[in-house]
């Protein structure tokens, strides 16, 4: 099992959600976050004054999938989230060794 964690633009959440639904994503978690990447924020102008916004609002999607499904999920995210500009996001993939079903305490080594 793998955990896919995708940091994307908030404006792309709907597109990514629709793309994941099409490829049979088993479920996901969504969190609104703030952070900065390589660009270290952005410079904006308001009423003639420039100021720097260090932390940008982003969306974090977390998905746990069986190993064979990783590539199609990652590709769906990339296809739907890209704008071709800096700040489109990043995807992290982690190994999951075990899950525990909270309601029963049952330990599982696959999604089920």
Foldseek 3Di string as FASTA:
>chain_A
DKKKKKKFAPVLPVQLVVLCVVLPAPDKDKDKDWAADPVQFDWDDDPRDIDTDRIDIIMMMIGDAPPVCVVSSVVSNCVRQDPPDPRRIDMDMGDDQWDADVVPRDIDRHDD
